[in-house]
Amino acid sequence: MIGLGVDAVDVERFGRVLSRQPRMRDRLFTEDERAIEAAPRLAARFAVKEAVMKAMGVGLGAFGWHEVETRRTESGAPELILRGQAASLAEEQGITRWMVSLTHTDTTAVAVVTAL
């Protein structure tokens, strides 16, 4: 294991931010992620992006929000897609595989990311 990241997001607060600032959805999420309507699911995907930063030991601004995308495999399991600077940083650190788990309730979204 190279790194571990965990992040939690308050779903109600996150939903209010997205409602008040509609462009935020475009800034934070890829086109495929923006197709998700439910605030808890979007909050979980935002938590994944922050957990990836923590797993790599970098802070905000190390790479763009669109450079980390969460997709679902055919089985329904989440998978990470890294691009650009995020992918370069992962390669520099020797990260070849990711494990990701996300969950949410109506109030809280949590992501756990392991860099291997």
PDB file of N, CA and C in Angstrom:
ATOM      1  N   MET A   1       0.840  -1.173   0.000  1.00  0.00           N
ATOM      2  CA  MET A   1       0.000   0.000   0.000  1.00  0.00           C
ATOM      3  C   MET A   1       0.890   1.242   0.000  1.00  0.00           C
ATOM      4  N   ILE A   2       0.545   2.184  -0.866  1.00  0.00           N
ATOM      5  CA  ILE A   2       1.300   3.441  -0.963  1.00  0.00           C
ATOM      6  C   ILE A   2       0.613   4.547  -0.185  1.00  0.00           C
ATOM      7  N   GLY A   3      -0.710   4.578  -0.210  1.00  0.00           N
ATOM      8  CA  GLY A   3      -1.417   5.638   0.499  1.00  0.00           C
ATOM      9  C   GLY A   3      -2.868   5.288   0.737  1.00  0.00           C
ATOM     10  N   LEU A   4      -3.447   5.979   1.717  1.00  0.00           N
ATOM     11  CA  LEU A   4      -4.839   5.788   2.076  1.00  0.00           C
ATOM     12  C   LEU A   4      -5.468   7.162   2.249  1.00  0.00           C
ATOM     13  N   GLY A   5      -6.650   7.353   1.682  1.00  0.00           N
ATOM     14  CA  GLY A   5      -7.367   8.618   1.825  1.00  0.00           C
ATOM     15  C   GLY A   5      -8.816   8.370   2.179  1.00  0.00           C
ATOM     16  N   VAL A   6      -9.332   9.199   3.069  1.00  0.00           N
ATOM     17  CA  VAL A   6     -10.731   9.122   3.484  1.00  0.00           C
ATOM     18  C   VAL A   6     -11.301  10.531   3.443  1.00  0.00           C
ATOM     19  N   ASP A   7     -12.546  10.668   2.991  1.00  0.00           N
ATOM     20  CA  ASP A   7     -13.185  11.966   3.014  1.00  0.00           C
ATOM     21  C   ASP A   7     -14.680  11.778   3.250  1.00  0.00           C
ATOM     22  N   ALA A   8     -15.266  12.727   3.973  1.00  0.00           N
ATOM     23  CA  ALA A   8     -16.710  12.729   4.238  1.00  0.00           C
ATOM     24  C   ALA A   8     -17.276  14.080   3.818  1.00  0.00           C
ATOM     25  N   VAL A   9     -18.469  14.058   3.247  1.00  0.00           N
ATOM     26  CA  VAL A   9     -19.121  15.275   2.752  1.00  0.00           C
ATOM     27  C   VAL A   9     -20.530  15.345   3.335  1.00  0.00           C
ATOM     28  N   ASP A  10     -20.893  16.512   3.824  1.00  0.00           N
ATOM     29  CA  ASP A  10     -22.244  16.773   4.292  1.00  0.00           C
ATOM     30  C   ASP A  10     -23.133  16.943   3.053  1.00  0.00           C
ATOM     31  N   VAL A  11     -24.037  16.017   2.831  1.00  0.00           N
ATOM     32  CA  VAL A  11     -24.838  15.992   1.605  1.00  0.00           C
ATOM     33  C   VAL A  11     -25.722  17.229   1.477  1.00  0.00           C
ATOM     34  N   GLU A  12     -26.375  17.634   2.547  1.00  0.00           N
ATOM     35  CA  GLU A  12     -27.266  18.794   2.468  1.00  0.00           C
ATOM     36  C   GLU A  12     -26.498  20.062   2.107  1.00  0.00           C
ATOM     37  N   ARG A  13     -25.381  20.267   2.763  1.00  0.00           N
ATOM     38  CA  ARG A  13     -24.560  21.454   2.478  1.00  0.00           C
ATOM     39  C   ARG A  13     -24.047  21.433   1.037  1.00  0.00           C
ATOM     40  N   PHE A  14     -23.579  20.252   0.604  1.00  0.00           N
ATOM     41  CA  PHE A  14     -23.075  20.101  -0.758  1.00  0.00           C
ATOM     42  C   PHE A  14     -24.175  20.400  -1.768  1.00  0.00           C
ATOM     43  N   GLY A  15     -25.379  19.880  -1.525  1.00  0.00           N
ATOM     44  CA  GLY A  15     -26.511  20.136  -2.414  1.00  0.00           C
ATOM     45  C   GLY A  15     -26.865  21.613  -2.485  1.00  0.00           C
ATOM     46  N   ARG A  16     -26.786  22.308  -1.335  1.00  0.00           N
ATOM     47  CA  ARG A  16     -27.068  23.757  -1.330  1.00  0.00           C
ATOM     48  C   ARG A  16     -26.043  24.512  -2.168  1.00  0.00           C
ATOM     49  N   VAL A  17     -24.783  24.136  -2.050  1.00  0.00           N
ATOM     50  CA  VAL A  17     -23.735  24.799  -2.837  1.00  0.00           C
ATOM     51  C   VAL A  17     -23.999  24.598  -4.325  1.00  0.00           C
ATOM     52  N   LEU A  18     -24.328  23.386  -4.715  1.00  0.00           N
ATOM     53  CA  LEU A  18     -24.605  23.120  -6.132  1.00  0.00           C
ATOM     54  C   LEU A  18     -25.829  23.896  -6.620  1.00  0.00           C
ATOM     55  N   SER A  19     -26.823  24.051  -5.768  1.00  0.00           N
ATOM     56  CA  SER A  19     -28.030  24.804  -6.144  1.00  0.00           C
ATOM     57  C   SER A  19     -27.746  26.294  -6.296  1.00  0.00           C
ATOM     58  N   ARG A  20     -26.948  26.834  -5.363  1.00  0.00           N
ATOM     59  CA  ARG A  20     -26.648  28.269  -5.401  1.00  0.00           C
ATOM     60  C   ARG A  20     -25.649  28.633  -6.490  1.00  0.00           C
ATOM     61  N   GLN A  21     -24.783  27.689  -6.827  1.00  0.00           N
ATOM     62  CA  GLN A  21     -23.729  27.953  -7.806  1.00  0.00           C
ATOM     63  C   GLN A  21     -23.767  26.876  -8.892  1.00  0.00           C
ATOM     64  N   PRO A  22     -24.667  26.991  -9.840  1.00  0.00           N
ATOM     65  CA  PRO A  22     -24.850  25.951 -10.860  1.00  0.00           C
ATOM     66  C   PRO A  22     -23.572  25.599 -11.637  1.00  0.00           C
ATOM     67  N   ARG A  23     -22.685  26.554 -11.802  1.00  0.00           N
ATOM     68  CA  ARG A  23     -21.441  26.265 -12.542  1.00  0.00           C
ATOM     69  C   ARG A  23     -20.497  25.355 -11.770  1.00  0.00           C
ATOM     70  N   MET A  24     -20.720  25.254 -10.466  1.00  0.00           N
ATOM     71  CA  MET A  24     -19.873  24.398  -9.638  1.00  0.00           C
ATOM     72  C   MET A  24     -19.915  22.949 -10.124  1.00  0.00           C
ATOM     73  N   ARG A  25     -21.078  22.507 -10.546  1.00  0.00           N
ATOM     74  CA  ARG A  25     -21.217  21.133 -11.062  1.00  0.00           C
ATOM     75  C   ARG A  25     -20.279  20.925 -12.253  1.00  0.00           C
ATOM     76  N   ASP A  26     -20.196  21.914 -13.141  1.00  0.00           N
ATOM     77  CA  ASP A  26     -19.307  21.812 -14.300  1.00  0.00           C
ATOM     78  C   ASP A  26     -17.835  21.841 -13.877  1.00  0.00           C
ATOM     79  N   ARG A  27     -17.518  22.662 -12.869  1.00  0.00           N
ATOM     80  CA  ARG A  27     -16.127  22.777 -12.407  1.00  0.00           C
ATOM     81  C   ARG A  27     -15.626  21.512 -11.732  1.00  0.00           C
ATOM     82  N   LEU A  28     -16.515  20.840 -11.004  1.00  0.00           N
ATOM     83  CA  LEU A  28     -16.085  19.707 -10.179  1.00  0.00           C
ATOM     84  C   LEU A  28     -16.163  18.354 -10.864  1.00  0.00           C
ATOM     85  N   PHE A  29     -17.097  18.200 -11.801  1.00  0.00           N
ATOM     86  CA  PHE A  29     -17.399  16.870 -12.306  1.00  0.00           C
ATOM     87  C   PHE A  29     -17.221  16.743 -13.814  1.00  0.00           C
ATOM     88  N   THR A  30     -16.849  15.536 -14.230  1.00  0.00           N
ATOM     89  CA  THR A  30     -16.745  15.238 -15.661  1.00  0.00           C
ATOM     90  C   THR A  30     -18.155  15.144 -16.251  1.00  0.00           C
ATOM     91  N   GLU A  31     -18.227  15.080 -17.543  1.00  0.00           N
ATOM     92  CA  GLU A  31     -19.525  14.992 -18.217  1.00  0.00           C
ATOM     93  C   GLU A  31     -20.320  13.778 -17.739  1.00  0.00           C
ATOM     94  N   ASP A  32     -19.656  12.619 -17.641  1.00  0.00           N
ATOM     95  CA  ASP A  32     -20.358  11.413 -17.185  1.00  0.00           C
ATOM     96  C   ASP A  32     -20.830  11.555 -15.740  1.00  0.00           C
ATOM     97  N   GLU A  33     -20.007  12.155 -14.891  1.00  0.00           N
ATOM     98  CA  GLU A  33     -20.407  12.346 -13.497  1.00  0.00           C
ATOM     99  C   GLU A  33     -21.569  13.329 -13.380  1.00  0.00           C
ATOM    100  N   ARG A  34     -21.595  14.340 -14.218  1.00  0.00           N
ATOM    101  CA  ARG A  34     -22.680  15.334 -14.174  1.00  0.00           C
ATOM    102  C   ARG A  34     -24.032  14.733 -14.528  1.00  0.00           C
ATOM    103  N   ALA A  35     -24.049  13.575 -15.183  1.00  0.00           N
ATOM    104  CA  ALA A  35     -25.312  12.920 -15.522  1.00  0.00           C
ATOM    105  C   ALA A  35     -26.020  12.400 -14.268  1.00  0.00           C
ATOM    106  N   ILE A  36     -25.296  12.310 -13.167  1.00  0.00           N
ATOM    107  CA  ILE A  36     -25.876  11.856 -11.904  1.00  0.00           C
ATOM    108  C   ILE A  36     -26.681  13.002 -11.302  1.00  0.00           C
ATOM    109  N   GLU A  37     -27.905  12.734 -10.950  1.00  0.00           N
ATOM    110  CA  GLU A  37     -28.785  13.784 -10.433  1.00  0.00           C
ATOM    111  C   GLU A  37     -28.793  13.851  -8.910  1.00  0.00           C
ATOM    112  N   ALA A  38     -28.711  12.718  -8.246  1.00  0.00           N
ATOM    113  CA  ALA A  38     -28.886  12.671  -6.792  1.00  0.00           C
ATOM    114  C   ALA A  38     -27.710  13.301  -6.061  1.00  0.00           C
ATOM    115  N   ALA A  39     -28.009  14.253  -5.180  1.00  0.00           N
ATOM    116  CA  ALA A  39     -26.956  14.939  -4.411  1.00  0.00           C
ATOM    117  C   ALA A  39     -26.096  13.977  -3.593  1.00  0.00           C
ATOM    118  N   PRO A  40     -26.661  12.943  -2.947  1.00  0.00           N
ATOM    119  CA  PRO A  40     -25.802  12.033  -2.182  1.00  0.00           C
ATOM    120  C   PRO A  40     -24.764  11.307  -3.055  1.00  0.00           C
ATOM    121  N   ARG A  41     -25.166  10.926  -4.255  1.00  0.00           N
ATOM    122  CA  ARG A  41     -24.230  10.228  -5.150  1.00  0.00           C
ATOM    123  C   ARG A  41     -23.149  11.179  -5.668  1.00  0.00           C
ATOM    124  N   LEU A  42     -23.524  12.413  -5.973  1.00  0.00           N
ATOM    125  CA  LEU A  42     -22.528  13.400  -6.401  1.00  0.00           C
ATOM    126  C   LEU A  42     -21.577  13.742  -5.264  1.00  0.00           C
ATOM    127  N   ALA A  43     -22.113  13.878  -4.062  1.00  0.00           N
ATOM    128  CA  ALA A  43     -21.276  14.168  -2.901  1.00  0.00           C
ATOM    129  C   ALA A  43     -20.262  13.050  -2.676  1.00  0.00           C
ATOM    130  N   ALA A  44     -20.670  11.807  -2.883  1.00  0.00           N
ATOM    131  CA  ALA A  44     -19.746  10.673  -2.736  1.00  0.00           C
ATOM    132  C   ALA A  44     -18.632  10.749  -3.778  1.00  0.00           C
ATOM    133  N   ARG A  45     -18.956  11.137  -4.993  1.00  0.00           N
ATOM    134  CA  ARG A  45     -17.933  11.264  -6.027  1.00  0.00           C
ATOM    135  C   ARG A  45     -16.989  12.426  -5.738  1.00  0.00           C
ATOM    136  N   PHE A  46     -17.489  13.488  -5.143  1.00  0.00           N
ATOM    137  CA  PHE A  46     -16.609  14.570  -4.720  1.00  0.00           C
ATOM    138  C   PHE A  46     -15.685  14.083  -3.604  1.00  0.00           C
ATOM    139  N   ALA A  47     -16.226  13.311  -2.676  1.00  0.00           N
ATOM    140  CA  ALA A  47     -15.413  12.754  -1.594  1.00  0.00           C
ATOM    141  C   ALA A  47     -14.291  11.881  -2.151  1.00  0.00           C
ATOM    142  N   VAL A  48     -14.565  11.143  -3.223  1.00  0.00           N
ATOM    143  CA  VAL A  48     -13.528  10.314  -3.853  1.00  0.00           C
ATOM    144  C   VAL A  48     -12.383  11.194  -4.342  1.00  0.00           C
ATOM    145  N   LYS A  49     -12.691  12.296  -5.005  1.00  0.00           N
ATOM    146  CA  LYS A  49     -11.650  13.185  -5.536  1.00  0.00           C
ATOM    147  C   LYS A  49     -10.738  13.678  -4.408  1.00  0.00           C
ATOM    148  N   GLU A  50     -11.341  14.075  -3.278  1.00  0.00           N
ATOM    149  CA  GLU A  50     -10.544  14.550  -2.148  1.00  0.00           C
ATOM    150  C   GLU A  50      -9.764  13.405  -1.506  1.00  0.00           C
ATOM    151  N   ALA A  51     -10.368  12.221  -1.420  1.00  0.00           N
ATOM    152  CA  ALA A  51      -9.680  11.069  -0.843  1.00  0.00           C
ATOM    153  C   ALA A  51      -8.476  10.657  -1.702  1.00  0.00           C
ATOM    154  N   VAL A  52      -8.583  10.804  -3.013  1.00  0.00           N
ATOM    155  CA  VAL A  52      -7.447  10.508  -3.899  1.00  0.00           C
ATOM    156  C   VAL A  52      -6.288  11.454  -3.582  1.00  0.00           C
ATOM    157  N   MET A  53      -6.589  12.742  -3.406  1.00  0.00           N
ATOM    158  CA  MET A  53      -5.537  13.698  -3.046  1.00  0.00           C
ATOM    159  C   MET A  53      -4.852  13.283  -1.740  1.00  0.00           C
ATOM    160  N   LYS A  54      -5.644  12.880  -0.766  1.00  0.00           N
ATOM    161  CA  LYS A  54      -5.094  12.463   0.519  1.00  0.00           C
ATOM    162  C   LYS A  54      -4.258  11.192   0.376  1.00  0.00           C
ATOM    163  N   ALA A  55      -4.713  10.251  -0.417  1.00  0.00           N
ATOM    164  CA  ALA A  55      -3.962   9.009  -0.619  1.00  0.00           C
ATOM    165  C   ALA A  55      -2.613   9.273  -1.281  1.00  0.00           C
ATOM    166  N   MET A  56      -2.557  10.322  -2.119  1.00  0.00           N
ATOM    167  CA  MET A  56      -1.297  10.664  -2.780  1.00  0.00           C
ATOM    168  C   MET A  56      -0.478  11.659  -1.971  1.00  0.00           C
ATOM    169  N   GLY A  57      -1.038  12.137  -0.871  1.00  0.00           N
ATOM    170  CA  GLY A  57      -0.308  13.073  -0.020  1.00  0.00           C
ATOM    171  C   GLY A  57      -0.135  14.450  -0.622  1.00  0.00           C
ATOM    172  N   VAL A  58      -1.115  14.860  -1.420  1.00  0.00           N
ATOM    173  CA  VAL A  58      -1.057  16.189  -2.046  1.00  0.00           C
ATOM    174  C   VAL A  58      -2.281  16.984  -1.615  1.00  0.00           C
ATOM    175  N   GLY A  59      -2.217  18.285  -1.780  1.00  0.00           N
ATOM    176  CA  GLY A  59      -3.332  19.138  -1.394  1.00  0.00           C
ATOM    177  C   GLY A  59      -4.113  19.632  -2.584  1.00  0.00           C
ATOM    178  N   LEU A  60      -5.095  20.467  -2.277  1.00  0.00           N
ATOM    179  CA  LEU A  60      -5.903  21.089  -3.326  1.00  0.00           C
ATOM    180  C   LEU A  60      -5.005  21.825  -4.304  1.00  0.00           C
ATOM    181  N   GLY A  61      -5.317  21.704  -5.575  1.00  0.00           N
ATOM    182  CA  GLY A  61      -4.547  22.382  -6.605  1.00  0.00           C
ATOM    183  C   GLY A  61      -3.460  21.529  -7.228  1.00  0.00           C
ATOM    184  N   ALA A  62      -3.210  20.362  -6.657  1.00  0.00           N
ATOM    185  CA  ALA A  62      -2.180  19.482  -7.224  1.00  0.00           C
ATOM    186  C   ALA A  62      -2.594  18.966  -8.599  1.00  0.00           C
ATOM    187  N   PHE A  63      -3.893  18.850  -8.807  1.00  0.00           N
ATOM    188  CA  PHE A  63      -4.431  18.470 -10.115  1.00  0.00           C
ATOM    189  C   PHE A  63      -5.865  18.965 -10.191  1.00  0.00           C
ATOM    190  N   GLY A  64      -6.414  18.962 -11.383  1.00  0.00           N
ATOM    191  CA  GLY A  64      -7.770  19.461 -11.594  1.00  0.00           C
ATOM    192  C   GLY A  64      -8.827  18.448 -11.194  1.00  0.00           C
ATOM    193  N   TRP A  65     -10.007  18.963 -10.857  1.00  0.00           N
ATOM    194  CA  TRP A  65     -11.106  18.107 -10.430  1.00  0.00           C
ATOM    195  C   TRP A  65     -11.510  17.094 -11.507  1.00  0.00           C
ATOM    196  N   HIS A  66     -11.417  17.477 -12.774  1.00  0.00           N
ATOM    197  CA  HIS A  66     -11.823  16.580 -13.868  1.00  0.00           C
ATOM    198  C   HIS A  66     -10.802  15.474 -14.114  1.00  0.00           C
ATOM    199  N   GLU A  67      -9.662  15.558 -13.473  1.00  0.00           N
ATOM    200  CA  GLU A  67      -8.616  14.567 -13.703  1.00  0.00           C
ATOM    201  C   GLU A  67      -8.814  13.288 -12.893  1.00  0.00           C
ATOM    202  N   VAL A  68      -9.789  13.294 -12.000  1.00  0.00           N
ATOM    203  CA  VAL A  68     -10.162  12.086 -11.254  1.00  0.00           C
ATOM    204  C   VAL A  68     -11.647  11.865 -11.479  1.00  0.00           C
ATOM    205  N   GLU A  69     -11.979  10.723 -12.030  1.00  0.00           N
ATOM    206  CA  GLU A  69     -13.373  10.402 -12.329  1.00  0.00           C
ATOM    207  C   GLU A  69     -13.715   9.050 -11.723  1.00  0.00           C
ATOM    208  N   THR A  70     -14.907   8.965 -11.154  1.00  0.00           N
ATOM    209  CA  THR A  70     -15.406   7.698 -10.624  1.00  0.00           C
ATOM    210  C   THR A  70     -16.448   7.159 -11.586  1.00  0.00           C
ATOM    211  N   ARG A  71     -16.237   5.924 -11.996  1.00  0.00           N
ATOM    212  CA  ARG A  71     -17.203   5.241 -12.856  1.00  0.00           C
ATOM    213  C   ARG A  71     -17.610   3.936 -12.192  1.00  0.00           C
ATOM    214  N   ARG A  72     -18.715   3.409 -12.657  1.00  0.00           N
ATOM    215  CA  ARG A  72     -19.163   2.102 -12.163  1.00  0.00           C
ATOM    216  C   ARG A  72     -18.808   1.036 -13.184  1.00  0.00           C
ATOM    217  N   THR A  73     -18.269  -0.073 -12.701  1.00  0.00           N
ATOM    218  CA  THR A  73     -18.000  -1.208 -13.572  1.00  0.00           C
ATOM    219  C   THR A  73     -19.324  -1.926 -13.852  1.00  0.00           C
ATOM    220  N   GLU A  74     -19.283  -2.924 -14.718  1.00  0.00           N
ATOM    221  CA  GLU A  74     -20.499  -3.681 -15.023  1.00  0.00           C
ATOM    222  C   GLU A  74     -21.089  -4.316 -13.777  1.00  0.00           C
ATOM    223  N   SER A  75     -20.220  -4.682 -12.831  1.00  0.00           N
ATOM    224  CA  SER A  75     -20.699  -5.308 -11.602  1.00  0.00           C
ATOM    225  C   SER A  75     -21.289  -4.284 -10.625  1.00  0.00           C
ATOM    226  N   GLY A  76     -21.101  -2.995 -10.915  1.00  0.00           N
ATOM    227  CA  GLY A  76     -21.592  -1.946 -10.026  1.00  0.00           C
ATOM    228  C   GLY A  76     -20.528  -1.382  -9.103  1.00  0.00           C
ATOM    229  N   ALA A  77     -19.361  -2.007  -9.074  1.00  0.00           N
ATOM    230  CA  ALA A  77     -18.270  -1.523  -8.224  1.00  0.00           C
ATOM    231  C   ALA A  77     -17.701  -0.219  -8.794  1.00  0.00           C
ATOM    232  N   PRO A  78     -17.286   0.693  -7.928  1.00  0.00           N
ATOM    233  CA  PRO A  78     -16.686   1.926  -8.426  1.00  0.00           C
ATOM    234  C   PRO A  78     -15.255   1.685  -8.911  1.00  0.00           C
ATOM    235  N   GLU A  79     -14.860   2.429  -9.920  1.00  0.00           N
ATOM    236  CA  GLU A  79     -13.470   2.392 -10.379  1.00  0.00           C
ATOM    237  C   GLU A  79     -13.010   3.815 -10.644  1.00  0.00           C
ATOM    238  N   LEU A  80     -11.718   4.034 -10.492  1.00  0.00           N
ATOM    239  CA  LEU A  80     -11.144   5.357 -10.718  1.00  0.00           C
ATOM    240  C   LEU A  80     -10.518   5.451 -12.086  1.00  0.00           C
ATOM    241  N   ILE A  81     -10.708   6.594 -12.715  1.00  0.00           N
ATOM    242  CA  ILE A  81     -10.033   6.936 -13.951  1.00  0.00           C
ATOM    243  C   ILE A  81      -9.228   8.195 -13.647  1.00  0.00           C
ATOM    244  N   LEU A  82      -7.910   8.129 -13.825  1.00  0.00           N
ATOM    245  CA  LEU A  82      -7.061   9.298 -13.619  1.00  0.00           C
ATOM    246  C   LEU A  82      -6.514   9.766 -14.955  1.00  0.00           C
ATOM    247  N   ARG A  83      -6.449  11.088 -15.107  1.00  0.00           N
ATOM    248  CA  ARG A  83      -5.937  11.699 -16.333  1.00  0.00           C
ATOM    249  C   ARG A  83      -4.962  12.804 -15.956  1.00  0.00           C
ATOM    250  N   GLY A  84      -4.249  13.306 -16.950  1.00  0.00           N
ATOM    251  CA  GLY A  84      -3.443  14.505 -16.800  1.00  0.00           C
ATOM    252  C   GLY A  84      -2.470  14.451 -15.641  1.00  0.00           C
ATOM    253  N   GLN A  85      -2.422  15.551 -14.874  1.00  0.00           N
ATOM    254  CA  GLN A  85      -1.486  15.670 -13.761  1.00  0.00           C
ATOM    255  C   GLN A  85      -1.754  14.628 -12.676  1.00  0.00           C
ATOM    256  N   ALA A  86      -3.001  14.282 -12.445  1.00  0.00           N
ATOM    257  CA  ALA A  86      -3.323  13.250 -11.446  1.00  0.00           C
ATOM    258  C   ALA A  86      -2.686  11.920 -11.835  1.00  0.00           C
ATOM    259  N   ALA A  87      -2.791  11.559 -13.105  1.00  0.00           N
ATOM    260  CA  ALA A  87      -2.187  10.314 -13.585  1.00  0.00           C
ATOM    261  C   ALA A  87      -0.664  10.385 -13.499  1.00  0.00           C
ATOM    262  N   SER A  88      -0.092  11.540 -13.824  1.00  0.00           N
ATOM    263  CA  SER A  88       1.362  11.710 -13.747  1.00  0.00           C
ATOM    264  C   SER A  88       1.858  11.580 -12.312  1.00  0.00           C
ATOM    265  N   LEU A  89       1.174  12.201 -11.372  1.00  0.00           N
ATOM    266  CA  LEU A  89       1.554  12.100  -9.963  1.00  0.00           C
ATOM    267  C   LEU A  89       1.470  10.660  -9.471  1.00  0.00           C
ATOM    268  N   ALA A  90       0.418   9.962  -9.861  1.00  0.00           N
ATOM    269  CA  ALA A  90       0.266   8.559  -9.468  1.00  0.00           C
ATOM    270  C   ALA A  90       1.418   7.726 -10.015  1.00  0.00           C
ATOM    271  N   GLU A  91       1.765   7.962 -11.265  1.00  0.00           N
ATOM    272  CA  GLU A  91       2.874   7.221 -11.882  1.00  0.00           C
ATOM    273  C   GLU A  91       4.190   7.512 -11.169  1.00  0.00           C
ATOM    274  N   GLU A  92       4.438   8.776 -10.853  1.00  0.00           N
ATOM    275  CA  GLU A  92       5.661   9.159 -10.134  1.00  0.00           C
ATOM    276  C   GLU A  92       5.764   8.467  -8.781  1.00  0.00           C
ATOM    277  N   GLN A  93       4.632   8.248  -8.144  1.00  0.00           N
ATOM    278  CA  GLN A  93       4.614   7.613  -6.834  1.00  0.00           C
ATOM    279  C   GLN A  93       4.588   6.092  -6.920  1.00  0.00           C
ATOM    280  N   GLY A  94       4.545   5.555  -8.129  1.00  0.00           N
ATOM    281  CA  GLY A  94       4.529   4.104  -8.306  1.00  0.00           C
ATOM    282  C   GLY A  94       3.164   3.473  -8.084  1.00  0.00           C
ATOM    283  N   ILE A  95       2.113   4.280  -8.136  1.00  0.00           N
ATOM    284  CA  ILE A  95       0.760   3.754  -7.944  1.00  0.00           C
ATOM    285  C   ILE A  95       0.307   3.101  -9.250  1.00  0.00           C
ATOM    286  N   THR A  96      -0.028   1.826  -9.157  1.00  0.00           N
ATOM    287  CA  THR A  96      -0.462   1.095 -10.348  1.00  0.00           C
ATOM    288  C   THR A  96      -1.904   0.614 -10.252  1.00  0.00           C
ATOM    289  N   ARG A  97      -2.468   0.705  -9.035  1.00  0.00           N
ATOM    290  CA  ARG A  97      -3.826   0.215  -8.834  1.00  0.00           C
ATOM    291  C   ARG A  97      -4.493   0.997  -7.714  1.00  0.00           C
ATOM    292  N   TRP A  98      -5.796   1.100  -7.797  1.00  0.00           N
ATOM    293  CA  TRP A  98      -6.583   1.814  -6.790  1.00  0.00           C
ATOM    294  C   TRP A  98      -7.696   0.919  -6.291  1.00  0.00           C
ATOM    295  N   MET A  99      -8.004   1.053  -5.025  1.00  0.00           N
ATOM    296  CA  MET A  99      -9.213   0.452  -4.463  1.00  0.00           C
ATOM    297  C   MET A  99     -10.050   1.612  -3.942  1.00  0.00           C
ATOM    298  N   VAL A 100     -11.338   1.581  -4.227  1.00  0.00           N
ATOM    299  CA  VAL A 100     -12.205   2.680  -3.804  1.00  0.00           C
ATOM    300  C   VAL A 100     -13.514   2.112  -3.264  1.00  0.00           C
ATOM    301  N   SER A 101     -13.948   2.691  -2.179  1.00  0.00           N
ATOM    302  CA  SER A 101     -15.236   2.330  -1.602  1.00  0.00           C
ATOM    303  C   SER A 101     -15.960   3.624  -1.272  1.00  0.00           C
ATOM    304  N   LEU A 102     -17.217   3.703  -1.656  1.00  0.00           N
ATOM    305  CA  LEU A 102     -17.993   4.884  -1.314  1.00  0.00           C
ATOM    306  C   LEU A 102     -19.361   4.464  -0.824  1.00  0.00           C
ATOM    307  N   THR A 103     -19.885   5.292   0.048  1.00  0.00           N
ATOM    308  CA  THR A 103     -21.209   5.045   0.604  1.00  0.00           C
ATOM    309  C   THR A 103     -21.853   6.384   0.933  1.00  0.00           C
ATOM    310  N   HIS A 104     -23.167   6.366   1.044  1.00  0.00           N
ATOM    311  CA  HIS A 104     -23.849   7.601   1.419  1.00  0.00           C
ATOM    312  C   HIS A 104     -25.178   7.284   2.071  1.00  0.00           C
ATOM    313  N   THR A 105     -25.602   8.224   2.894  1.00  0.00           N
ATOM    314  CA  THR A 105     -26.952   8.245   3.427  1.00  0.00           C
ATOM    315  C   THR A 105     -27.573   9.534   2.899  1.00  0.00           C
ATOM    316  N   ASP A 106     -28.721   9.875   3.389  1.00  0.00           N
ATOM    317  CA  ASP A 106     -29.316  11.154   2.984  1.00  0.00           C
ATOM    318  C   ASP A 106     -28.532  12.336   3.528  1.00  0.00           C
ATOM    319  N   THR A 107     -27.692  12.108   4.539  1.00  0.00           N
ATOM    320  CA  THR A 107     -26.997  13.222   5.192  1.00  0.00           C
ATOM    321  C   THR A 107     -25.491  13.249   4.986  1.00  0.00           C
ATOM    322  N   THR A 108     -24.881  12.098   4.756  1.00  0.00           N
ATOM    323  CA  THR A 108     -23.414  12.038   4.690  1.00  0.00           C
ATOM    324  C   THR A 108     -22.962  11.118   3.566  1.00  0.00           C
ATOM    325  N   ALA A 109     -21.918  11.557   2.855  1.00  0.00           N
ATOM    326  CA  ALA A 109     -21.269  10.726   1.839  1.00  0.00           C
ATOM    327  C   ALA A 109     -19.819  10.516   2.251  1.00  0.00           C
ATOM    328  N   VAL A 110     -19.343   9.277   2.139  1.00  0.00           N
ATOM    329  CA  VAL A 110     -17.993   8.937   2.572  1.00  0.00           C
ATOM    330  C   VAL A 110     -17.298   8.143   1.470  1.00  0.00           C
ATOM    331  N   ALA A 111     -16.008   8.436   1.273  1.00  0.00           N
ATOM    332  CA  ALA A 111     -15.191   7.683   0.329  1.00  0.00           C
ATOM    333  C   ALA A 111     -13.903   7.264   1.012  1.00  0.00           C
ATOM    334  N   VAL A 112     -13.477   6.036   0.726  1.00  0.00           N
ATOM    335  CA  VAL A 112     -12.192   5.520   1.185  1.00  0.00           C
ATOM    336  C   VAL A 112     -11.445   5.080  -0.073  1.00  0.00           C
ATOM    337  N   VAL A 113     -10.218   5.571  -0.224  1.00  0.00           N
ATOM    338  CA  VAL A 113      -9.416   5.269  -1.398  1.00  0.00           C
ATOM    339  C   VAL A 113      -8.053   4.743  -0.961  1.00  0.00           C
ATOM    340  N   THR A 114      -7.645   3.627  -1.538  1.00  0.00           N
ATOM    341  CA  THR A 114      -6.343   3.050  -1.266  1.00  0.00           C
ATOM    342  C   THR A 114      -5.527   3.071  -2.549  1.00  0.00           C
ATOM    343  N   ALA A 115      -4.307   3.603  -2.454  1.00  0.00           N
ATOM    344  CA  ALA A 115      -3.385   3.614  -3.589  1.00  0.00           C
ATOM    345  C   ALA A 115      -2.426   2.454  -3.412  1.00  0.00           C
ATOM    346  N   LEU A 116      -2.334   1.606  -4.417  1.00  0.00           N
ATOM    347  CA  LEU A 116      -1.479   0.412  -4.359  1.00  0.00           C
ATOM    348  C   LEU A 116      -0.387   0.477  -5.406  1.00  0.00           C
TER     349      LEU A 116
END
